[in-house]
Amino acid sequence: MKLSTKGRYSVTALYELALHYGEGVVSLRAIAESQGISENYLEQLMARLRRAGLVESVRGAQGGYTLARPPEEVTIGQIITAVEGPIALVDCLLTDAEADDQSCVRAADCVTRQIWEEVCAGINSVLNNISLARLLRGDHPHMGCNQ
C-alpha cells in the first residue's frame, strides 16, 4: 500500500493551515510557496477538503483557506479519507458503495480476510489518533513531504 501525493500533500497543506490557525485565512499561494506544492494541485485538493468539511474558504483578493475546526479536532485519518477515499488494503473490505464492482465473491469465506481487516483497523486507528495539533507539537521541520 502506498499513499498517493493527494494524501501526503493534503496533510501537508492542512498542517500549514494549523500553523496559522486563529490568524485568519491563508492564501493558496502562501501554502504552495511554504510547502513546495503546486498551487493548481492544491486548489483541487482544497475543493475536496472543503466538501469534507475540513476547511473553509473565503473568496476574493484577500481570500484563502482556514481550518473549519481546531487542529485538535482534525485527524490525519480524516484528511486522507477526504481525498483518497476509505483506507482498505483489499477491495473486499470496501462496502458495496465504496467498491468499484470489484468485490470478491469469496469474501465471506476468505481465510486471509481477517488479516487484512486487522491491518486496516490498525492503520485507521493510528491515523485517526494523530491530530494536526499533535503534529504542531512535534519536534520536526515545518517543511512537508513533497516527493
N, C-alpha and C. Protein backbone atom coordinates (compact mmCIF):
# COMPACT_ATOMS: atom_id res chain seq x y z
N MET A 1 0.84 -1.18 0.00
CA MET A 1 0.00 0.00 0.00
C MET A 1 0.89 1.24 0.00
N LYS A 2 0.56 2.17 -0.85
CA LYS A 2 1.33 3.39 -0.97
C LYS A 2 0.37 4.57 -0.99
N LEU A 3 0.63 5.53 -0.12
CA LEU A 3 -0.19 6.73 -0.06
C LEU A 3 0.18 7.63 -1.24
N SER A 4 -0.83 8.14 -1.93
CA SER A 4 -0.55 8.98 -3.10
C SER A 4 -0.20 10.41 -2.67
N THR A 5 0.21 11.20 -3.65
CA THR A 5 0.51 12.60 -3.37
C THR A 5 -0.72 13.35 -2.87
N LYS A 6 -1.91 12.92 -3.29
CA LYS A 6 -3.13 13.58 -2.79
C LYS A 6 -3.18 13.56 -1.28
N GLY A 7 -2.94 12.41 -0.71
CA GLY A 7 -2.99 12.27 0.74
C GLY A 7 -1.85 13.01 1.42
N ARG A 8 -0.64 12.83 0.93
CA ARG A 8 0.52 13.47 1.55
C ARG A 8 0.44 14.99 1.46
N TYR A 9 0.12 15.51 0.30
CA TYR A 9 0.05 16.95 0.12
C TYR A 9 -1.11 17.56 0.91
N SER A 10 -2.20 16.84 1.03
CA SER A 10 -3.34 17.34 1.80
C SER A 10 -2.98 17.48 3.28
N VAL A 11 -2.29 16.48 3.81
CA VAL A 11 -1.85 16.56 5.20
C VAL A 11 -0.89 17.74 5.37
N THR A 12 0.02 17.91 4.44
CA THR A 12 0.98 19.00 4.49
C THR A 12 0.29 20.36 4.42
N ALA A 13 -0.69 20.48 3.53
CA ALA A 13 -1.41 21.75 3.39
C ALA A 13 -2.19 22.09 4.66
N LEU A 14 -2.85 21.09 5.24
CA LEU A 14 -3.62 21.36 6.46
C LEU A 14 -2.71 21.58 7.65
N TYR A 15 -1.53 21.01 7.63
CA TYR A 15 -0.53 21.32 8.66
C TYR A 15 -0.19 22.81 8.58
N GLU A 16 -0.02 23.30 7.37
CA GLU A 16 0.28 24.73 7.19
C GLU A 16 -0.88 25.59 7.71
N LEU A 17 -2.11 25.18 7.45
CA LEU A 17 -3.26 25.92 7.97
C LEU A 17 -3.29 25.85 9.50
N ALA A 18 -2.92 24.72 10.05
CA ALA A 18 -2.89 24.57 11.51
C ALA A 18 -1.85 25.50 12.13
N LEU A 19 -0.73 25.69 11.44
CA LEU A 19 0.30 26.61 11.93
C LEU A 19 -0.24 28.02 12.09
N HIS A 20 -1.22 28.38 11.25
CA HIS A 20 -1.77 29.73 11.23
C HIS A 20 -3.20 29.78 11.77
N TYR A 21 -3.62 28.73 12.45
CA TYR A 21 -5.00 28.67 12.96
C TYR A 21 -5.25 29.85 13.91
N GLY A 22 -6.38 30.50 13.71
CA GLY A 22 -6.75 31.64 14.55
C GLY A 22 -6.20 32.97 14.06
N GLU A 23 -5.40 32.94 13.00
CA GLU A 23 -4.81 34.17 12.46
C GLU A 23 -5.54 34.68 11.23
N GLY A 24 -6.59 34.01 10.80
CA GLY A 24 -7.28 34.38 9.57
C GLY A 24 -6.97 33.40 8.47
N VAL A 25 -7.36 33.77 7.26
CA VAL A 25 -7.19 32.86 6.12
C VAL A 25 -5.75 32.89 5.62
N VAL A 26 -5.38 31.78 4.99
CA VAL A 26 -4.06 31.63 4.38
C VAL A 26 -4.29 31.41 2.88
N SER A 27 -3.60 32.17 2.07
CA SER A 27 -3.79 32.03 0.61
C SER A 27 -3.18 30.73 0.11
N LEU A 28 -3.73 30.26 -1.00
CA LEU A 28 -3.17 29.07 -1.64
C LEU A 28 -1.71 29.31 -2.03
N ARG A 29 -1.44 30.50 -2.50
CA ARG A 29 -0.07 30.84 -2.91
C ARG A 29 0.88 30.70 -1.73
N ALA A 30 0.47 31.19 -0.56
CA ALA A 30 1.33 31.10 0.63
C ALA A 30 1.58 29.64 1.02
N ILE A 31 0.54 28.82 0.96
CA ILE A 31 0.70 27.39 1.28
C ILE A 31 1.63 26.74 0.26
N ALA A 32 1.39 27.03 -1.02
CA ALA A 32 2.20 26.44 -2.09
C ALA A 32 3.67 26.82 -1.94
N GLU A 33 3.93 28.08 -1.66
CA GLU A 33 5.32 28.53 -1.53
C GLU A 33 5.97 27.95 -0.28
N SER A 34 5.25 27.95 0.82
CA SER A 34 5.81 27.46 2.07
C SER A 34 6.11 25.97 2.04
N GLN A 35 5.23 25.20 1.40
CA GLN A 35 5.35 23.75 1.42
C GLN A 35 5.88 23.15 0.11
N GLY A 36 6.12 23.97 -0.89
CA GLY A 36 6.68 23.47 -2.14
C GLY A 36 5.73 22.59 -2.92
N ILE A 37 4.47 22.99 -2.97
CA ILE A 37 3.44 22.22 -3.67
C ILE A 37 2.83 23.11 -4.76
N SER A 38 2.49 22.53 -5.89
CA SER A 38 1.86 23.27 -6.99
C SER A 38 0.56 23.91 -6.53
N GLU A 39 0.41 25.19 -6.85
CA GLU A 39 -0.82 25.90 -6.47
C GLU A 39 -2.06 25.31 -7.14
N ASN A 40 -1.91 24.92 -8.41
CA ASN A 40 -3.05 24.31 -9.13
C ASN A 40 -3.47 23.00 -8.49
N TYR A 41 -2.50 22.19 -8.10
CA TYR A 41 -2.80 20.90 -7.47
C TYR A 41 -3.46 21.14 -6.10
N LEU A 42 -2.95 22.11 -5.37
CA LEU A 42 -3.54 22.45 -4.07
C LEU A 42 -5.00 22.86 -4.20
N GLU A 43 -5.30 23.59 -5.25
CA GLU A 43 -6.68 24.05 -5.47
C GLU A 43 -7.63 22.85 -5.60
N GLN A 44 -7.20 21.84 -6.32
CA GLN A 44 -8.01 20.62 -6.47
C GLN A 44 -8.20 19.91 -5.13
N LEU A 45 -7.12 19.83 -4.35
CA LEU A 45 -7.19 19.16 -3.05
C LEU A 45 -8.08 19.93 -2.09
N MET A 46 -7.95 21.24 -2.08
CA MET A 46 -8.75 22.06 -1.16
C MET A 46 -10.24 21.95 -1.45
N ALA A 47 -10.59 21.77 -2.71
CA ALA A 47 -12.01 21.58 -3.05
C ALA A 47 -12.55 20.32 -2.37
N ARG A 48 -11.79 19.26 -2.39
CA ARG A 48 -12.21 18.01 -1.73
C ARG A 48 -12.25 18.18 -0.21
N LEU A 49 -11.26 18.86 0.32
CA LEU A 49 -11.20 19.06 1.77
C LEU A 49 -12.33 19.98 2.25
N ARG A 50 -12.71 20.94 1.40
CA ARG A 50 -13.85 21.82 1.74
C ARG A 50 -15.15 21.03 1.75
N ARG A 51 -15.34 20.19 0.74
CA ARG A 51 -16.55 19.35 0.68
C ARG A 51 -16.63 18.40 1.87
N ALA A 52 -15.49 17.99 2.38
CA ALA A 52 -15.46 17.09 3.55
C ALA A 52 -15.64 17.86 4.86
N GLY A 53 -15.71 19.18 4.78
CA GLY A 53 -15.92 19.99 5.98
C GLY A 53 -14.67 20.20 6.82
N LEU A 54 -13.50 19.99 6.23
CA LEU A 54 -12.25 20.16 6.97
C LEU A 54 -11.67 21.56 6.85
N VAL A 55 -11.98 22.25 5.74
CA VAL A 55 -11.51 23.62 5.56
C VAL A 55 -12.68 24.50 5.14
N GLU A 56 -12.50 25.78 5.37
CA GLU A 56 -13.44 26.79 4.90
C GLU A 56 -12.67 27.73 3.98
N SER A 57 -13.37 28.27 3.00
CA SER A 57 -12.70 29.16 2.06
C SER A 57 -13.35 30.53 2.06
N VAL A 58 -12.55 31.53 1.74
CA VAL A 58 -13.01 32.91 1.58
C VAL A 58 -12.54 33.34 0.20
N ARG A 59 -13.48 33.81 -0.61
CA ARG A 59 -13.14 34.24 -1.98
C ARG A 59 -12.66 35.69 -1.98
N GLY A 60 -12.03 36.04 -3.08
CA GLY A 60 -11.63 37.42 -3.28
C GLY A 60 -10.14 37.63 -3.16
N ALA A 61 -9.74 38.88 -3.35
CA ALA A 61 -8.32 39.24 -3.35
C ALA A 61 -7.65 38.91 -2.02
N GLN A 62 -8.37 39.05 -0.94
CA GLN A 62 -7.82 38.75 0.38
C GLN A 62 -8.27 37.38 0.87
N GLY A 63 -8.71 36.54 -0.06
CA GLY A 63 -9.25 35.24 0.28
C GLY A 63 -8.19 34.20 0.57
N GLY A 64 -8.68 33.05 0.94
CA GLY A 64 -7.79 31.94 1.24
C GLY A 64 -8.55 30.86 1.99
N TYR A 65 -7.83 30.09 2.77
CA TYR A 65 -8.41 28.95 3.47
C TYR A 65 -8.05 28.99 4.95
N THR A 66 -8.90 28.37 5.73
CA THR A 66 -8.65 28.19 7.14
C THR A 66 -9.25 26.84 7.54
N LEU A 67 -8.77 26.29 8.63
CA LEU A 67 -9.35 25.05 9.13
C LEU A 67 -10.78 25.31 9.58
N ALA A 68 -11.66 24.38 9.31
CA ALA A 68 -13.06 24.51 9.72
C ALA A 68 -13.24 24.18 11.20
N ARG A 69 -12.26 23.47 11.76
CA ARG A 69 -12.31 23.09 13.18
C ARG A 69 -10.92 23.29 13.78
N PRO A 70 -10.82 23.35 15.09
CA PRO A 70 -9.50 23.49 15.71
C PRO A 70 -8.58 22.32 15.34
N PRO A 71 -7.27 22.54 15.32
CA PRO A 71 -6.32 21.48 14.96
C PRO A 71 -6.47 20.22 15.82
N GLU A 72 -6.93 20.37 17.04
CA GLU A 72 -7.12 19.21 17.92
C GLU A 72 -8.22 18.28 17.41
N GLU A 73 -9.12 18.82 16.60
CA GLU A 73 -10.28 18.06 16.14
C GLU A 73 -10.15 17.52 14.72
N VAL A 74 -9.01 17.75 14.09
CA VAL A 74 -8.80 17.27 12.72
C VAL A 74 -7.70 16.21 12.75
N THR A 75 -8.07 15.00 12.32
CA THR A 75 -7.09 13.91 12.34
C THR A 75 -6.52 13.65 10.95
N ILE A 76 -5.38 13.02 10.95
CA ILE A 76 -4.73 12.64 9.69
C ILE A 76 -5.63 11.67 8.92
N GLY A 77 -6.30 10.78 9.64
CA GLY A 77 -7.23 9.85 9.00
C GLY A 77 -8.36 10.56 8.28
N GLN A 78 -8.91 11.62 8.88
CA GLN A 78 -9.97 12.38 8.23
C GLN A 78 -9.48 13.03 6.95
N ILE A 79 -8.28 13.58 7.01
CA ILE A 79 -7.71 14.26 5.84
C ILE A 79 -7.49 13.27 4.70
N ILE A 80 -6.85 12.16 5.01
CA ILE A 80 -6.54 11.18 3.97
C ILE A 80 -7.81 10.59 3.38
N THR A 81 -8.77 10.27 4.22
CA THR A 81 -10.03 9.71 3.72
C THR A 81 -10.77 10.71 2.84
N ALA A 82 -10.69 11.99 3.17
CA ALA A 82 -11.37 13.02 2.38
C ALA A 82 -10.86 13.08 0.95
N VAL A 83 -9.57 12.87 0.76
CA VAL A 83 -9.01 12.99 -0.59
C VAL A 83 -8.73 11.66 -1.28
N GLU A 84 -8.51 10.61 -0.49
CA GLU A 84 -8.16 9.31 -1.06
C GLU A 84 -9.33 8.33 -1.07
N GLY A 85 -10.31 8.56 -0.20
CA GLY A 85 -11.38 7.59 -0.01
C GLY A 85 -11.02 6.68 1.15
N PRO A 86 -11.83 5.66 1.39
CA PRO A 86 -11.58 4.77 2.53
C PRO A 86 -10.26 4.03 2.41
N ILE A 87 -9.65 3.81 3.56
CA ILE A 87 -8.39 3.08 3.59
C ILE A 87 -8.69 1.59 3.68
N ALA A 88 -8.36 0.88 2.63
CA ALA A 88 -8.58 -0.56 2.60
C ALA A 88 -7.47 -1.19 1.76
N LEU A 89 -6.85 -2.21 2.30
CA LEU A 89 -5.76 -2.87 1.59
C LEU A 89 -6.26 -3.72 0.43
N VAL A 90 -7.46 -4.25 0.57
CA VAL A 90 -8.04 -5.12 -0.46
C VAL A 90 -9.48 -4.70 -0.70
N ASP A 91 -9.95 -4.92 -1.92
CA ASP A 91 -11.29 -4.48 -2.30
C ASP A 91 -12.40 -5.10 -1.47
N CYS A 92 -12.19 -6.32 -0.98
CA CYS A 92 -13.27 -6.99 -0.26
C CYS A 92 -13.59 -6.32 1.08
N LEU A 93 -12.74 -5.39 1.52
CA LEU A 93 -13.01 -4.67 2.76
C LEU A 93 -13.85 -3.42 2.55
N LEU A 94 -14.05 -3.05 1.29
CA LEU A 94 -14.88 -1.91 0.98
C LEU A 94 -16.35 -2.30 0.98
N THR A 95 -17.20 -1.36 1.35
CA THR A 95 -18.63 -1.62 1.26
C THR A 95 -19.03 -1.59 -0.21
N ASP A 96 -20.22 -2.03 -0.53
CA ASP A 96 -20.66 -2.04 -1.92
C ASP A 96 -20.63 -0.64 -2.53
N ALA A 97 -20.95 0.38 -1.73
CA ALA A 97 -20.96 1.75 -2.23
C ALA A 97 -19.55 2.25 -2.52
N GLU A 98 -18.55 1.75 -1.79
CA GLU A 98 -17.17 2.19 -1.97
C GLU A 98 -16.44 1.41 -3.06
N ALA A 99 -16.85 0.19 -3.29
CA ALA A 99 -16.17 -0.69 -4.25
C ALA A 99 -16.53 -0.30 -5.67
N ASP A 100 -15.62 -0.56 -6.58
CA ASP A 100 -15.85 -0.31 -7.99
C ASP A 100 -16.26 -1.61 -8.68
N ASP A 101 -17.26 -2.27 -8.15
CA ASP A 101 -17.72 -3.55 -8.68
C ASP A 101 -16.58 -4.56 -8.77
N GLN A 102 -15.64 -4.48 -7.83
CA GLN A 102 -14.52 -5.40 -7.84
C GLN A 102 -14.47 -6.21 -6.55
N SER A 103 -15.59 -6.26 -5.84
CA SER A 103 -15.58 -7.02 -4.60
C SER A 103 -15.45 -8.50 -4.91
N CYS A 104 -14.85 -9.19 -4.00
CA CYS A 104 -14.56 -10.60 -4.19
C CYS A 104 -15.79 -11.45 -3.85
N VAL A 105 -16.09 -12.40 -4.69
CA VAL A 105 -17.22 -13.28 -4.43
C VAL A 105 -16.94 -14.24 -3.29
N ARG A 106 -15.67 -14.41 -2.92
CA ARG A 106 -15.29 -15.31 -1.84
C ARG A 106 -15.05 -14.58 -0.51
N ALA A 107 -15.37 -13.32 -0.43
CA ALA A 107 -15.07 -12.53 0.76
C ALA A 107 -15.60 -13.16 2.04
N ALA A 108 -16.79 -13.72 1.99
CA ALA A 108 -17.38 -14.31 3.20
C ALA A 108 -16.63 -15.54 3.68
N ASP A 109 -15.97 -16.25 2.78
CA ASP A 109 -15.28 -17.48 3.12
C ASP A 109 -13.75 -17.36 3.06
N CYS A 110 -13.24 -16.16 2.88
CA CYS A 110 -11.80 -15.96 2.68
C CYS A 110 -11.04 -16.19 3.98
N VAL A 111 -9.99 -17.01 3.91
CA VAL A 111 -9.21 -17.33 5.11
C VAL A 111 -8.25 -16.20 5.48
N THR A 112 -7.93 -15.32 4.53
CA THR A 112 -6.98 -14.24 4.83
C THR A 112 -7.66 -12.89 5.11
N ARG A 113 -8.96 -12.83 4.90
CA ARG A 113 -9.66 -11.54 5.06
C ARG A 113 -9.49 -10.97 6.46
N GLN A 114 -9.50 -11.81 7.47
CA GLN A 114 -9.36 -11.33 8.85
C GLN A 114 -8.01 -10.63 9.04
N ILE A 115 -6.98 -11.12 8.39
CA ILE A 115 -5.66 -10.48 8.49
C ILE A 115 -5.74 -9.07 7.93
N TRP A 116 -6.34 -8.92 6.75
CA TRP A 116 -6.43 -7.61 6.10
C TRP A 116 -7.30 -6.67 6.93
N GLU A 117 -8.36 -7.21 7.55
CA GLU A 117 -9.21 -6.39 8.42
C GLU A 117 -8.42 -5.85 9.61
N GLU A 118 -7.59 -6.71 10.22
CA GLU A 118 -6.79 -6.29 11.37
C GLU A 118 -5.75 -5.25 10.98
N VAL A 119 -5.11 -5.45 9.84
CA VAL A 119 -4.11 -4.48 9.38
C VAL A 119 -4.77 -3.13 9.11
N CYS A 120 -5.90 -3.15 8.43
CA CYS A 120 -6.62 -1.90 8.13
C CYS A 120 -7.10 -1.22 9.42
N ALA A 121 -7.58 -2.00 10.35
CA ALA A 121 -8.03 -1.43 11.62
C ALA A 121 -6.86 -0.76 12.34
N GLY A 122 -5.70 -1.39 12.29
CA GLY A 122 -4.52 -0.80 12.92
C GLY A 122 -4.10 0.50 12.25
N ILE A 123 -4.08 0.50 10.93
CA ILE A 123 -3.73 1.72 10.19
C ILE A 123 -4.72 2.83 10.50
N ASN A 124 -6.00 2.50 10.43
CA ASN A 124 -7.04 3.50 10.71
C ASN A 124 -6.94 4.03 12.14
N SER A 125 -6.65 3.14 13.07
CA SER A 125 -6.51 3.56 14.47
C SER A 125 -5.38 4.57 14.63
N VAL A 126 -4.25 4.28 14.03
CA VAL A 126 -3.11 5.20 14.13
C VAL A 126 -3.46 6.54 13.49
N LEU A 127 -3.95 6.52 12.26
CA LEU A 127 -4.23 7.76 11.54
C LEU A 127 -5.34 8.58 12.20
N ASN A 128 -6.30 7.90 12.80
CA ASN A 128 -7.41 8.62 13.43
C ASN A 128 -7.07 9.10 14.84
N ASN A 129 -5.91 8.73 15.33
CA ASN A 129 -5.48 9.19 16.66
C ASN A 129 -4.34 10.20 16.60
N ILE A 130 -4.00 10.64 15.41
CA ILE A 130 -2.99 11.69 15.26
C ILE A 130 -3.70 12.93 14.73
N SER A 131 -3.73 13.95 15.54
CA SER A 131 -4.38 15.20 15.13
C SER A 131 -3.35 16.17 14.57
N LEU A 132 -3.84 17.20 13.91
CA LEU A 132 -2.94 18.26 13.45
C LEU A 132 -2.25 18.93 14.63
N ALA A 133 -2.95 19.04 15.75
CA ALA A 133 -2.34 19.63 16.95
C ALA A 133 -1.14 18.83 17.40
N ARG A 134 -1.23 17.53 17.29
CA ARG A 134 -0.09 16.67 17.66
C ARG A 134 1.09 16.92 16.74
N LEU A 135 0.82 17.11 15.45
CA LEU A 135 1.90 17.43 14.52
C LEU A 135 2.55 18.76 14.89
N LEU A 136 1.73 19.72 15.30
CA LEU A 136 2.26 21.03 15.68
C LEU A 136 3.20 20.94 16.88
N ARG A 137 2.92 20.01 17.77
CA ARG A 137 3.75 19.84 18.97
C ARG A 137 5.04 19.09 18.71
N GLY A 138 5.14 18.45 17.56
CA GLY A 138 6.31 17.62 17.25
C GLY A 138 7.58 18.42 17.04
N ASP A 139 8.69 17.75 17.23
CA ASP A 139 10.00 18.36 17.04
C ASP A 139 10.49 17.98 15.65
N HIS A 140 10.05 18.74 14.65
CA HIS A 140 10.41 18.45 13.27
C HIS A 140 10.39 19.75 12.47
N PRO A 141 11.03 19.78 11.33
CA PRO A 141 11.00 20.98 10.50
C PRO A 141 9.59 21.25 9.97
N HIS A 142 9.30 22.47 9.61
CA HIS A 142 7.97 22.84 9.15
C HIS A 142 7.75 22.54 7.67
N MET A 143 8.73 22.07 6.99
CA MET A 143 8.58 21.74 5.57
C MET A 143 7.95 20.36 5.45
N GLY A 144 6.93 20.24 4.60
CA GLY A 144 6.23 18.97 4.44
C GLY A 144 6.94 18.07 3.43
N CYS A 145 6.36 16.91 3.24
CA CYS A 145 6.90 15.92 2.31
C CYS A 145 6.33 16.22 0.93
N ASN A 146 7.17 16.48 -0.04
CA ASN A 146 6.66 16.75 -1.38
C ASN A 146 7.36 15.89 -2.43
N GLN A 147 7.63 14.68 -2.05
CA GLN A 147 8.28 13.78 -3.00
C GLN A 147 7.29 12.86 -3.62
